[in-house]
């Protein structure tokens, strides 16, 4: 099957990964909670039905300001399959930048993650004429919750609304606008980058063809989903059927890695530098033979090659992995 539009991933899940139990996972009240293929498709459809019931047309915009979480994907895919354009915004920008982006994009509603962001965005949203409503993912006193869209969609479920969604899906071409991602604003006001369905799906397929991962593997996600790099990664993991786990925070990345033992993740050089510095710092505090063994292992690791490592090297690497990794990192 051709996977040229973002929402084609849902059909691929039906055909290739129908029984997957950990499409998305995140910590809720201290425990990992997973969402299955069935959950993903159901919630995405309910969002589509609910938005259609609210009168959303192809090309309308919805902004999200959120941490990485499964719900982000439910609304992203719900928008995608009815032609609503997703405008993901960084949670850490200034009030003036929020106001500019909301006005410039023409977003009709905003969905934020928690109380802190609701309190920050709510007064700004009131000043932007085109914004009709503000919703939250978490339960926030006095705020509309995203589940109200979900529940209204559930109530609308039936042949008529499914037919409307199919007509909308069939009208969307791979070149159609899927999202507007705004630049950081370091060269002036943030600028909206218009990206199509195919911009993402071409990348996902090309990257997916190179990576030696499949539906049995797990990915950890911690770079912001509002950033194009992590978003392409998210679609790539979905295309390949990996289980996607969302880190609790940047401070908990190491803990989450130890918990779920991911096979792959996307990162940036600066974060790797911080992790490396932390590991080396632990080694410097060791004494005697332990310290010697630690830095022997570090030096050995720096000589690792993707292919062509000798048998002797691999034997040494096995020893290093067994005895020199500090459990405290």
C-alpha atoms as a PDB file:
ATOM      1  CA  UNK A   1       0.000   0.000   0.000  1.00  0.00           C
ATOM      2  CA  UNK A   2       1.126   3.576  -0.662  1.00  0.00           C
ATOM      3  CA  UNK A   3       1.863   5.604   2.448  1.00  0.00           C
ATOM      4  CA  UNK A   4       2.097   9.112   1.030  1.00  0.00           C
ATOM      5  CA  UNK A   5      -0.140  11.049   3.429  1.00  0.00           C
ATOM      6  CA  UNK A   6       0.376  11.164   7.178  1.00  0.00           C
ATOM      7  CA  UNK A   7      -2.953   9.514   7.977  1.00  0.00           C
ATOM      8  CA  UNK A   8      -2.108   6.591   5.689  1.00  0.00           C
ATOM      9  CA  UNK A   9      -0.133   5.362   8.694  1.00  0.00           C
ATOM     10  CA  UNK A  10      -3.431   4.404  10.339  1.00  0.00           C
ATOM     11  CA  UNK A  11      -4.294   2.063   7.473  1.00  0.00           C
ATOM     12  CA  UNK A  12      -0.801   0.616   7.656  1.00  0.00           C
ATOM     13  CA  UNK A  13      -1.299  -0.101  11.354  1.00  0.00           C
ATOM     14  CA  UNK A  14      -4.517  -1.956  10.510  1.00  0.00           C
ATOM     15  CA  UNK A  15      -2.800  -4.137   7.928  1.00  0.00           C
ATOM     16  CA  UNK A  16       0.711  -4.628   9.298  1.00  0.00           C
ATOM     17  CA  UNK A  17       0.482  -4.125  13.069  1.00  0.00           C
ATOM     18  CA  UNK A  18      -3.164  -4.772  14.013  1.00  0.00           C
ATOM     19  CA  UNK A  19      -2.414  -6.314  17.416  1.00  0.00           C
ATOM     20  CA  UNK A  20       0.344  -4.007  18.609  1.00  0.00           C
ATOM     21  CA  UNK A  21      -0.109  -3.194  22.296  1.00  0.00           C
ATOM     22  CA  UNK A  22       2.515  -0.465  22.773  1.00  0.00           C
ATOM     23  CA  UNK A  23       2.129   1.948  19.868  1.00  0.00           C
ATOM     24  CA  UNK A  24       2.561   4.805  22.362  1.00  0.00           C
ATOM     25  CA  UNK A  25       3.552   4.631  26.031  1.00  0.00           C
ATOM     26  CA  UNK A  26       3.968   7.285  28.713  1.00  0.00           C
ATOM     27  CA  UNK A  27       4.187   7.522  32.493  1.00  0.00           C
ATOM     28  CA  UNK A  28       0.860   8.154  34.222  1.00  0.00           C
ATOM     29  CA  UNK A  29       0.934   8.364  38.028  1.00  0.00           C
ATOM     30  CA  UNK A  30       4.390   6.820  38.030  1.00  0.00           C
ATOM     31  CA  UNK A  31       3.551   3.806  35.829  1.00  0.00           C
ATOM     32  CA  UNK A  32       4.014   3.186  32.110  1.00  0.00           C
ATOM     33  CA  UNK A  33       0.644   3.162  30.342  1.00  0.00           C
ATOM     34  CA  UNK A  34       0.476   1.922  26.759  1.00  0.00           C
ATOM     35  CA  UNK A  35      -1.975   2.551  23.918  1.00  0.00           C
ATOM     36  CA  UNK A  36      -2.626  -0.077  21.264  1.00  0.00           C
ATOM     37  CA  UNK A  37      -3.257   0.058  17.531  1.00  0.00           C
ATOM     38  CA  UNK A  38      -6.979  -0.159  18.274  1.00  0.00           C
ATOM     39  CA  UNK A  39      -6.732   2.762  20.719  1.00  0.00           C
ATOM     40  CA  UNK A  40      -4.790   4.911  18.254  1.00  0.00           C
ATOM     41  CA  UNK A  41      -7.195   4.433  15.374  1.00  0.00           C
ATOM     42  CA  UNK A  42     -10.268   4.833  17.594  1.00  0.00           C
ATOM     43  CA  UNK A  43      -9.114   8.054  19.268  1.00  0.00           C
ATOM     44  CA  UNK A  44      -7.863   9.587  16.012  1.00  0.00           C
ATOM     45  CA  UNK A  45     -11.237   8.876  14.398  1.00  0.00           C
ATOM     46  CA  UNK A  46     -13.152  10.319  17.338  1.00  0.00           C
ATOM     47  CA  UNK A  47     -11.100  13.518  17.079  1.00  0.00           C
ATOM     48  CA  UNK A  48     -11.868  13.700  13.357  1.00  0.00           C
ATOM     49  CA  UNK A  49     -15.594  13.173  13.978  1.00  0.00           C
ATOM     50  CA  UNK A  50     -15.611  15.741  16.787  1.00  0.00           C
ATOM     51  CA  UNK A  51     -13.826  18.386  14.731  1.00  0.00           C
ATOM     52  CA  UNK A  52     -16.154  17.832  11.795  1.00  0.00           C
ATOM     53  CA  UNK A  53     -19.081  18.224  14.176  1.00  0.00           C
ATOM     54  CA  UNK A  54     -17.588  21.542  15.294  1.00  0.00           C
ATOM     55  CA  UNK A  55     -17.536  22.718  11.683  1.00  0.00           C
ATOM     56  CA  UNK A  56     -13.843  22.449  10.884  1.00  0.00           C
ATOM     57  CA  UNK A  57     -13.054  22.698   7.176  1.00  0.00           C
ATOM     58  CA  UNK A  58     -10.062  21.558   5.158  1.00  0.00           C
ATOM     59  CA  UNK A  59      -7.271  24.091   5.652  1.00  0.00           C
ATOM     60  CA  UNK A  60      -8.426  25.324   9.080  1.00  0.00           C
ATOM     61  CA  UNK A  61      -5.685  25.543  11.714  1.00  0.00           C
ATOM     62  CA  UNK A  62      -5.363  24.136  15.240  1.00  0.00           C
ATOM     63  CA  UNK A  63      -2.405  25.007  17.495  1.00  0.00           C
ATOM     64  CA  UNK A  64      -0.939  22.731  20.161  1.00  0.00           C
ATOM     65  CA  UNK A  65       1.429  23.726  22.974  1.00  0.00           C
ATOM     66  CA  UNK A  66       2.367  20.526  24.749  1.00  0.00           C
ATOM     67  CA  UNK A  67       4.968  18.153  26.079  1.00  0.00           C
ATOM     68  CA  UNK A  68       5.495  14.847  24.272  1.00  0.00           C
ATOM     69  CA  UNK A  69       2.612  12.494  25.044  1.00  0.00           C
ATOM     70  CA  UNK A  70       0.351   9.949  23.296  1.00  0.00           C
ATOM     71  CA  UNK A  71      -2.548  12.433  23.162  1.00  0.00           C
ATOM     72  CA  UNK A  72      -0.464  14.687  20.909  1.00  0.00           C
ATOM     73  CA  UNK A  73      -0.548  11.946  18.268  1.00  0.00           C
ATOM     74  CA  UNK A  74      -4.281  11.317  18.630  1.00  0.00           C
ATOM     75  CA  UNK A  75      -5.124  14.939  17.861  1.00  0.00           C
ATOM     76  CA  UNK A  76      -2.379  15.207  15.229  1.00  0.00           C
ATOM     77  CA  UNK A  77      -3.768  12.252  13.302  1.00  0.00           C
ATOM     78  CA  UNK A  78      -7.368  13.323  13.889  1.00  0.00           C
ATOM     79  CA  UNK A  79      -6.575  16.673  12.273  1.00  0.00           C
ATOM     80  CA  UNK A  80      -4.542  15.108   9.498  1.00  0.00           C
ATOM     81  CA  UNK A  81      -7.221  12.861   8.048  1.00  0.00           C
ATOM     82  CA  UNK A  82      -9.745  15.682   7.655  1.00  0.00           C
ATOM     83  CA  UNK A  83      -7.289  18.205   6.232  1.00  0.00           C
ATOM     84  CA  UNK A  84      -6.989  20.398   9.335  1.00  0.00           C
ATOM     85  CA  UNK A  85      -3.510  21.944   9.556  1.00  0.00           C
ATOM     86  CA  UNK A  86      -1.535  21.305  12.750  1.00  0.00           C
ATOM     87  CA  UNK A  87       0.425  24.256  14.191  1.00  0.00           C
ATOM     88  CA  UNK A  88       2.654  22.857  16.977  1.00  0.00           C
ATOM     89  CA  UNK A  89       4.262  25.565  19.130  1.00  0.00           C
ATOM     90  CA  UNK A  90       7.180  25.385  21.579  1.00  0.00           C
ATOM     91  CA  UNK A  91       6.084  25.532  25.246  1.00  0.00           C
ATOM     92  CA  UNK A  92       8.991  27.835  26.167  1.00  0.00           C
ATOM     93  CA  UNK A  93       8.647  30.887  23.888  1.00  0.00           C
ATOM     94  CA  UNK A  94       7.712  34.435  24.924  1.00  0.00           C
ATOM     95  CA  UNK A  95       4.208  35.860  25.186  1.00  0.00           C
ATOM     96  CA  UNK A  96       4.816  38.144  22.197  1.00  0.00           C
ATOM     97  CA  UNK A  97       5.898  35.170  20.087  1.00  0.00           C
ATOM     98  CA  UNK A  98       2.790  33.206  21.080  1.00  0.00           C
ATOM     99  CA  UNK A  99       0.602  36.136  20.109  1.00  0.00           C
ATOM    100  CA  UNK A 100       2.387  36.559  16.773  1.00  0.00           C
ATOM    101  CA  UNK A 101       2.147  32.860  15.858  1.00  0.00           C
ATOM    102  CA  UNK A 102      -1.508  32.562  16.835  1.00  0.00           C
ATOM    103  CA  UNK A 103      -2.423  35.627  14.796  1.00  0.00           C
ATOM    104  CA  UNK A 104      -0.234  34.760  11.818  1.00  0.00           C
ATOM    105  CA  UNK A 105      -1.331  31.126  11.590  1.00  0.00           C
ATOM    106  CA  UNK A 106      -5.028  31.853  12.024  1.00  0.00           C
ATOM    107  CA  UNK A 107      -5.444  29.031  14.551  1.00  0.00           C
ATOM    108  CA  UNK A 108      -9.102  28.530  15.516  1.00  0.00           C
ATOM    109  CA  UNK A 109      -8.516  26.544  18.688  1.00  0.00           C
ATOM    110  CA  UNK A 110      -5.526  25.839  20.926  1.00  0.00           C
ATOM    111  CA  UNK A 111      -4.776  22.677  22.896  1.00  0.00           C
ATOM    112  CA  UNK A 112      -2.232  22.947  25.738  1.00  0.00           C
ATOM    113  CA  UNK A 113      -0.890  20.262  28.029  1.00  0.00           C
ATOM    114  CA  UNK A 114      -1.250  21.442  31.638  1.00  0.00           C
ATOM    115  CA  UNK A 115      -2.210  24.079  34.192  1.00  0.00           C
ATOM    116  CA  UNK A 116       1.006  26.068  33.845  1.00  0.00           C
ATOM    117  CA  UNK A 117       0.623  26.444  30.084  1.00  0.00           C
ATOM    118  CA  UNK A 118      -3.095  27.108  30.366  1.00  0.00           C
ATOM    119  CA  UNK A 119      -2.432  30.002  32.747  1.00  0.00           C
ATOM    120  CA  UNK A 120       0.232  31.325  30.389  1.00  0.00           C
ATOM    121  CA  UNK A 121      -1.718  30.965  27.120  1.00  0.00           C
ATOM    122  CA  UNK A 122      -5.262  31.822  28.273  1.00  0.00           C
ATOM    123  CA  UNK A 123      -4.780  35.627  28.544  1.00  0.00           C
ATOM    124  CA  UNK A 124      -2.910  35.651  25.211  1.00  0.00           C
ATOM    125  CA  UNK A 125      -5.659  33.661  23.491  1.00  0.00           C
ATOM    126  CA  UNK A 126      -8.232  36.192  24.652  1.00  0.00           C
ATOM    127  CA  UNK A 127      -6.371  38.929  22.765  1.00  0.00           C
ATOM    128  CA  UNK A 128      -6.269  37.002  19.467  1.00  0.00           C
ATOM    129  CA  UNK A 129      -9.510  37.572  17.611  1.00  0.00           C
ATOM    130  CA  UNK A 130      -9.582  34.333  15.596  1.00  0.00           C
ATOM    131  CA  UNK A 131      -9.093  31.958  18.537  1.00  0.00           C
ATOM    132  CA  UNK A 132     -12.444  30.409  19.425  1.00  0.00           C
ATOM    133  CA  UNK A 133     -11.512  28.091  22.299  1.00  0.00           C
ATOM    134  CA  UNK A 134      -8.679  26.827  24.487  1.00  0.00           C
ATOM    135  CA  UNK A 135      -8.491  23.166  25.545  1.00  0.00           C
ATOM    136  CA  UNK A 136      -6.152  21.184  27.810  1.00  0.00           C
ATOM    137  CA  UNK A 137      -4.851  17.609  27.844  1.00  0.00           C
ATOM    138  CA  UNK A 138      -4.626  17.451  31.636  1.00  0.00           C
ATOM    139  CA  UNK A 139      -7.671  18.168  33.777  1.00  0.00           C
ATOM    140  CA  UNK A 140      -7.491  21.896  34.589  1.00  0.00           C
ATOM    141  CA  UNK A 141     -10.104  23.718  36.702  1.00  0.00           C
ATOM    142  CA  UNK A 142     -12.215  26.029  34.558  1.00  0.00           C
ATOM    143  CA  UNK A 143     -10.746  24.822  31.272  1.00  0.00           C
ATOM    144  CA  UNK A 144     -12.266  22.854  28.428  1.00  0.00           C
ATOM    145  CA  UNK A 145     -10.701  19.425  28.143  1.00  0.00           C
ATOM    146  CA  UNK A 146      -9.672  17.741  24.900  1.00  0.00           C
ATOM    147  CA  UNK A 147     -11.793  14.742  25.842  1.00  0.00           C
ATOM    148  CA  UNK A 148     -14.907  16.829  25.213  1.00  0.00           C
ATOM    149  CA  UNK A 149     -13.943  16.783  21.497  1.00  0.00           C
ATOM    150  CA  UNK A 150     -13.279  13.060  21.799  1.00  0.00           C
ATOM    151  CA  UNK A 151     -16.633  12.369  23.472  1.00  0.00           C
ATOM    152  CA  UNK A 152     -18.587  14.456  20.967  1.00  0.00           C
ATOM    153  CA  UNK A 153     -16.913  12.483  18.202  1.00  0.00           C
ATOM    154  CA  UNK A 154     -17.840   9.227  19.901  1.00  0.00           C
ATOM    155  CA  UNK A 155     -21.471  10.339  20.043  1.00  0.00           C
ATOM    156  CA  UNK A 156     -21.411  11.184  16.331  1.00  0.00           C
ATOM    157  CA  UNK A 157     -19.974   7.815  15.310  1.00  0.00           C
ATOM    158  CA  UNK A 158     -21.999   6.141  12.603  1.00  0.00           C
ATOM    159  CA  UNK A 159     -22.232   5.650   8.829  1.00  0.00           C
ATOM    160  CA  UNK A 160     -22.890   9.324   8.108  1.00  0.00           C
ATOM    161  CA  UNK A 161     -19.848  10.745   9.890  1.00  0.00           C
ATOM    162  CA  UNK A 162     -17.606   7.919   8.680  1.00  0.00           C
ATOM    163  CA  UNK A 163     -18.691   8.744   5.141  1.00  0.00           C
ATOM    164  CA  UNK A 164     -17.806  12.414   5.658  1.00  0.00           C
ATOM    165  CA  UNK A 165     -14.354  11.491   6.924  1.00  0.00           C
ATOM    166  CA  UNK A 166     -13.798   9.193   3.944  1.00  0.00           C
ATOM    167  CA  UNK A 167     -14.764  11.959   1.515  1.00  0.00           C
ATOM    168  CA  UNK A 168     -12.350  14.327   3.263  1.00  0.00           C
ATOM    169  CA  UNK A 169      -9.550  11.761   3.289  1.00  0.00           C
ATOM    170  CA  UNK A 170     -10.079  11.001  -0.395  1.00  0.00           C
ATOM    171  CA  UNK A 171      -9.831  14.708  -1.217  1.00  0.00           C
ATOM    172  CA  UNK A 172      -6.403  15.120   0.394  1.00  0.00           C
ATOM    173  CA  UNK A 173      -3.371  14.829  -1.877  1.00  0.00           C
ATOM    174  CA  UNK A 174       0.138  14.094  -0.709  1.00  0.00           C
ATOM    175  CA  UNK A 175       1.198  17.636  -1.728  1.00  0.00           C
ATOM    176  CA  UNK A 176      -1.461  19.235   0.493  1.00  0.00           C
ATOM    177  CA  UNK A 177      -0.454  21.267   3.528  1.00  0.00           C
ATOM    178  CA  UNK A 178      -0.205  19.176   6.701  1.00  0.00           C
ATOM    179  CA  UNK A 179       1.470  21.495   9.184  1.00  0.00           C
ATOM    180  CA  UNK A 180       3.032  24.892   9.769  1.00  0.00           C
ATOM    181  CA  UNK A 181       6.125  24.812  11.968  1.00  0.00           C
ATOM    182  CA  UNK A 182       7.440  28.163  13.146  1.00  0.00           C
ATOM    183  CA  UNK A 183      11.133  29.041  13.305  1.00  0.00           C
ATOM    184  CA  UNK A 184      12.798  29.986  16.583  1.00  0.00           C
ATOM    185  CA  UNK A 185      12.637  33.713  15.926  1.00  0.00           C
ATOM    186  CA  UNK A 186      16.393  34.298  16.281  1.00  0.00           C
ATOM    187  CA  UNK A 187      16.358  36.325  13.034  1.00  0.00           C
ATOM    188  CA  UNK A 188      13.256  38.351  13.853  1.00  0.00           C
ATOM    189  CA  UNK A 189       9.664  37.269  14.255  1.00  0.00           C
ATOM    190  CA  UNK A 190       9.072  33.498  13.902  1.00  0.00           C
ATOM    191  CA  UNK A 191       8.373  32.468  10.324  1.00  0.00           C
ATOM    192  CA  UNK A 192       5.905  29.728   9.410  1.00  0.00           C
ATOM    193  CA  UNK A 193       7.363  26.840   7.409  1.00  0.00           C
ATOM    194  CA  UNK A 194       4.640  25.136   5.351  1.00  0.00           C
ATOM    195  CA  UNK A 195       5.138  21.373   5.109  1.00  0.00           C
ATOM    196  CA  UNK A 196       3.088  18.843   3.157  1.00  0.00           C
ATOM    197  CA  UNK A 197       2.108  15.274   3.959  1.00  0.00           C
ATOM    198  CA  UNK A 198       4.720  14.041   1.478  1.00  0.00           C
ATOM    199  CA  UNK A 199       7.472  16.157   3.043  1.00  0.00           C
ATOM    200  CA  UNK A 200       7.132  13.939   6.109  1.00  0.00           C
ATOM    201  CA  UNK A 201       6.246  10.596   4.585  1.00  0.00           C
ATOM    202  CA  UNK A 202       9.039  10.673   2.007  1.00  0.00           C
ATOM    203  CA  UNK A 203      11.540  11.223   4.812  1.00  0.00           C
ATOM    204  CA  UNK A 204       9.981   8.505   6.976  1.00  0.00           C
ATOM    205  CA  UNK A 205      10.217   5.975   4.169  1.00  0.00           C
ATOM    206  CA  UNK A 206      13.783   6.871   3.199  1.00  0.00           C
ATOM    207  CA  UNK A 207      15.024   6.800   6.786  1.00  0.00           C
ATOM    208  CA  UNK A 208      13.022   3.651   7.488  1.00  0.00           C
ATOM    209  CA  UNK A 209      14.712   1.870   4.583  1.00  0.00           C
ATOM    210  CA  UNK A 210      18.140   2.509   6.133  1.00  0.00           C
ATOM    211  CA  UNK A 211      17.471   1.692   9.788  1.00  0.00           C
ATOM    212  CA  UNK A 212      17.639  -1.947  10.864  1.00  0.00           C
ATOM    213  CA  UNK A 213      14.631  -1.778  13.182  1.00  0.00           C
ATOM    214  CA  UNK A 214      11.153  -3.287  13.091  1.00  0.00           C
ATOM    215  CA  UNK A 215       7.913  -3.662  15.056  1.00  0.00           C
ATOM    216  CA  UNK A 216       9.694  -5.649  17.782  1.00  0.00           C
ATOM    217  CA  UNK A 217      11.888  -2.693  18.715  1.00  0.00           C
ATOM    218  CA  UNK A 218      11.306   0.292  21.014  1.00  0.00           C
ATOM    219  CA  UNK A 219      12.081   3.983  20.573  1.00  0.00           C
ATOM    220  CA  UNK A 220      12.474   6.609  23.292  1.00  0.00           C
ATOM    221  CA  UNK A 221      11.227  10.099  22.447  1.00  0.00           C
ATOM    222  CA  UNK A 222      12.446  13.174  24.318  1.00  0.00           C
ATOM    223  CA  UNK A 223      13.164  15.939  21.787  1.00  0.00           C
ATOM    224  CA  UNK A 224      10.046  18.147  21.406  1.00  0.00           C
ATOM    225  CA  UNK A 225       7.433  16.777  18.999  1.00  0.00           C
ATOM    226  CA  UNK A 226       6.819  20.350  17.887  1.00  0.00           C
ATOM    227  CA  UNK A 227      10.337  20.238  16.376  1.00  0.00           C
ATOM    228  CA  UNK A 228      10.543  18.851  12.856  1.00  0.00           C
ATOM    229  CA  UNK A 229      13.359  16.405  13.685  1.00  0.00           C
ATOM    230  CA  UNK A 230      11.466  14.533  16.414  1.00  0.00           C
ATOM    231  CA  UNK A 231       8.261  14.684  14.414  1.00  0.00           C
ATOM    232  CA  UNK A 232       9.873  13.018  11.398  1.00  0.00           C
ATOM    233  CA  UNK A 233      11.309  10.476  13.804  1.00  0.00           C
ATOM    234  CA  UNK A 234       7.858   9.819  15.274  1.00  0.00           C
ATOM    235  CA  UNK A 235       6.369   9.157  11.854  1.00  0.00           C
ATOM    236  CA  UNK A 236       9.360   6.955  10.971  1.00  0.00           C
ATOM    237  CA  UNK A 237       8.859   4.832  14.094  1.00  0.00           C
ATOM    238  CA  UNK A 238       5.168   4.539  13.248  1.00  0.00           C
ATOM    239  CA  UNK A 239       5.981   3.596   9.658  1.00  0.00           C
ATOM    240  CA  UNK A 240       8.253   0.817  10.931  1.00  0.00           C
ATOM    241  CA  UNK A 241       5.898  -0.206  13.740  1.00  0.00           C
ATOM    242  CA  UNK A 242       8.173   0.502  16.716  1.00  0.00           C
ATOM    243  CA  UNK A 243       6.790   1.032  20.190  1.00  0.00           C
ATOM    244  CA  UNK A 244       7.252   4.715  21.074  1.00  0.00           C
ATOM    245  CA  UNK A 245       7.941   5.629  24.713  1.00  0.00           C
ATOM    246  CA  UNK A 246       7.838   9.265  25.831  1.00  0.00           C
ATOM    247  CA  UNK A 247      10.452  10.293  28.383  1.00  0.00           C
ATOM    248  CA  UNK A 248       9.117  11.907  31.549  1.00  0.00           C
ATOM    249  CA  UNK A 249      11.476  14.887  31.191  1.00  0.00           C
ATOM    250  CA  UNK A 250      15.028  15.678  30.114  1.00  0.00           C
ATOM    251  CA  UNK A 251      16.147  15.047  33.702  1.00  0.00           C
ATOM    252  CA  UNK A 252      14.669  11.534  33.605  1.00  0.00           C
ATOM    253  CA  UNK A 253      16.108  10.413  30.245  1.00  0.00           C
ATOM    254  CA  UNK A 254      18.802   8.235  31.826  1.00  0.00           C
ATOM    255  CA  UNK A 255      16.274   6.651  34.216  1.00  0.00           C
ATOM    256  CA  UNK A 256      13.830   5.997  31.358  1.00  0.00           C
ATOM    257  CA  UNK A 257      16.578   4.443  29.224  1.00  0.00           C
ATOM    258  CA  UNK A 258      17.371   2.019  32.039  1.00  0.00           C
ATOM    259  CA  UNK A 259      13.666   1.227  32.490  1.00  0.00           C
ATOM    260  CA  UNK A 260      12.603   0.534  28.918  1.00  0.00           C
ATOM    261  CA  UNK A 261      15.960  -0.253  27.255  1.00  0.00           C
ATOM    262  CA  UNK A 262      15.118   1.437  23.930  1.00  0.00           C
ATOM    263  CA  UNK A 263      16.710   0.236  20.708  1.00  0.00           C
ATOM    264  CA  UNK A 264      16.812   3.710  19.184  1.00  0.00           C
ATOM    265  CA  UNK A 265      16.233   7.370  19.953  1.00  0.00           C
ATOM    266  CA  UNK A 266      16.775  10.726  18.272  1.00  0.00           C
ATOM    267  CA  UNK A 267      19.013  13.262  19.925  1.00  0.00           C
ATOM    268  CA  UNK A 268      21.198  16.289  19.276  1.00  0.00           C
ATOM    269  CA  UNK A 269      24.973  16.618  19.828  1.00  0.00           C
ATOM    270  CA  UNK A 270      24.693  18.840  22.892  1.00  0.00           C
ATOM    271  CA  UNK A 271      22.604  16.308  24.801  1.00  0.00           C
ATOM    272  CA  UNK A 272      25.061  13.511  23.959  1.00  0.00           C
ATOM    273  CA  UNK A 273      27.887  15.737  25.174  1.00  0.00           C
ATOM    274  CA  UNK A 274      26.112  16.221  28.500  1.00  0.00           C
ATOM    275  CA  UNK A 275      25.575  12.465  28.900  1.00  0.00           C
ATOM    276  CA  UNK A 276      29.189  11.741  27.953  1.00  0.00           C
ATOM    277  CA  UNK A 277      30.477  14.357  30.409  1.00  0.00           C
ATOM    278  CA  UNK A 278      28.331  12.849  33.161  1.00  0.00           C
ATOM    279  CA  UNK A 279      29.646   9.337  32.469  1.00  0.00           C
ATOM    280  CA  UNK A 280      33.272  10.483  32.317  1.00  0.00           C
ATOM    281  CA  UNK A 281      32.760  12.498  35.502  1.00  0.00           C
ATOM    282  CA  UNK A 282      31.753   9.303  37.309  1.00  0.00           C
ATOM    283  CA  UNK A 283      34.873   7.577  35.968  1.00  0.00           C
ATOM    284  CA  UNK A 284      37.122  10.353  37.248  1.00  0.00           C
ATOM    285  CA  UNK A 285      35.810   9.791  40.772  1.00  0.00           C
ATOM    286  CA  UNK A 286      36.788   6.107  40.717  1.00  0.00           C
ATOM    287  CA  UNK A 287      40.012   4.895  42.337  1.00  0.00           C
ATOM    288  CA  UNK A 288      42.815   2.519  41.403  1.00  0.00           C
ATOM    289  CA  UNK A 289      42.070  -0.437  39.132  1.00  0.00           C
ATOM    290  CA  UNK A 290      38.406   0.526  38.767  1.00  0.00           C
ATOM    291  CA  UNK A 291      39.435   3.861  37.284  1.00  0.00           C
ATOM    292  CA  UNK A 292      41.950   2.201  34.945  1.00  0.00           C
ATOM    293  CA  UNK A 293      39.345  -0.325  33.798  1.00  0.00           C
ATOM    294  CA  UNK A 294      36.788   2.436  33.248  1.00  0.00           C
ATOM    295  CA  UNK A 295      38.975   4.521  30.959  1.00  0.00           C
ATOM    296  CA  UNK A 296      40.231   1.413  29.152  1.00  0.00           C
ATOM    297  CA  UNK A 297      36.569   0.693  28.360  1.00  0.00           C
ATOM    298  CA  UNK A 298      35.935   4.295  27.243  1.00  0.00           C
ATOM    299  CA  UNK A 299      38.945   4.164  24.920  1.00  0.00           C
ATOM    300  CA  UNK A 300      37.760   0.821  23.571  1.00  0.00           C
ATOM    301  CA  UNK A 301      34.306   2.230  22.887  1.00  0.00           C
ATOM    302  CA  UNK A 302      35.754   5.138  20.915  1.00  0.00           C
ATOM    303  CA  UNK A 303      37.341   2.615  18.523  1.00  0.00           C
ATOM    304  CA  UNK A 304      34.038   0.866  17.769  1.00  0.00           C
ATOM    305  CA  UNK A 305      33.055   0.594  14.088  1.00  0.00           C
ATOM    306  CA  UNK A 306      29.572  -0.008  12.669  1.00  0.00           C
ATOM    307  CA  UNK A 307      31.030  -2.893  10.620  1.00  0.00           C
ATOM    308  CA  UNK A 308      34.322  -4.755  10.481  1.00  0.00           C
ATOM    309  CA  UNK A 309      35.197  -5.098  14.183  1.00  0.00           C
ATOM    310  CA  UNK A 310      37.647  -7.952  14.760  1.00  0.00           C
ATOM    311  CA  UNK A 311      36.873 -11.000  16.885  1.00  0.00           C
ATOM    312  CA  UNK A 312      39.526  -9.894  19.403  1.00  0.00           C
ATOM    313  CA  UNK A 313      37.967  -6.435  19.624  1.00  0.00           C
ATOM    314  CA  UNK A 314      34.461  -7.854  20.177  1.00  0.00           C
ATOM    315  CA  UNK A 315      35.806 -10.108  22.941  1.00  0.00           C
ATOM    316  CA  UNK A 316      37.348  -7.094  24.697  1.00  0.00           C
ATOM    317  CA  UNK A 317      34.102  -5.163  24.219  1.00  0.00           C
ATOM    318  CA  UNK A 318      32.165  -7.963  25.896  1.00  0.00           C
ATOM    319  CA  UNK A 319      34.464  -7.757  28.904  1.00  0.00           C
ATOM    320  CA  UNK A 320      34.109  -3.978  29.014  1.00  0.00           C
ATOM    321  CA  UNK A 321      30.318  -4.178  28.908  1.00  0.00           C
ATOM    322  CA  UNK A 322      30.273  -6.752  31.720  1.00  0.00           C
ATOM    323  CA  UNK A 323      32.553  -5.090  34.215  1.00  0.00           C
ATOM    324  CA  UNK A 324      33.112  -1.426  33.565  1.00  0.00           C
ATOM    325  CA  UNK A 325      29.723   0.259  33.185  1.00  0.00           C
ATOM    326  CA  UNK A 326      29.015   2.355  36.312  1.00  0.00           C
ATOM    327  CA  UNK A 327      25.503   1.603  37.602  1.00  0.00           C
ATOM    328  CA  UNK A 328      25.126   5.101  39.057  1.00  0.00           C
ATOM    329  CA  UNK A 329      24.969   7.063  35.781  1.00  0.00           C
END
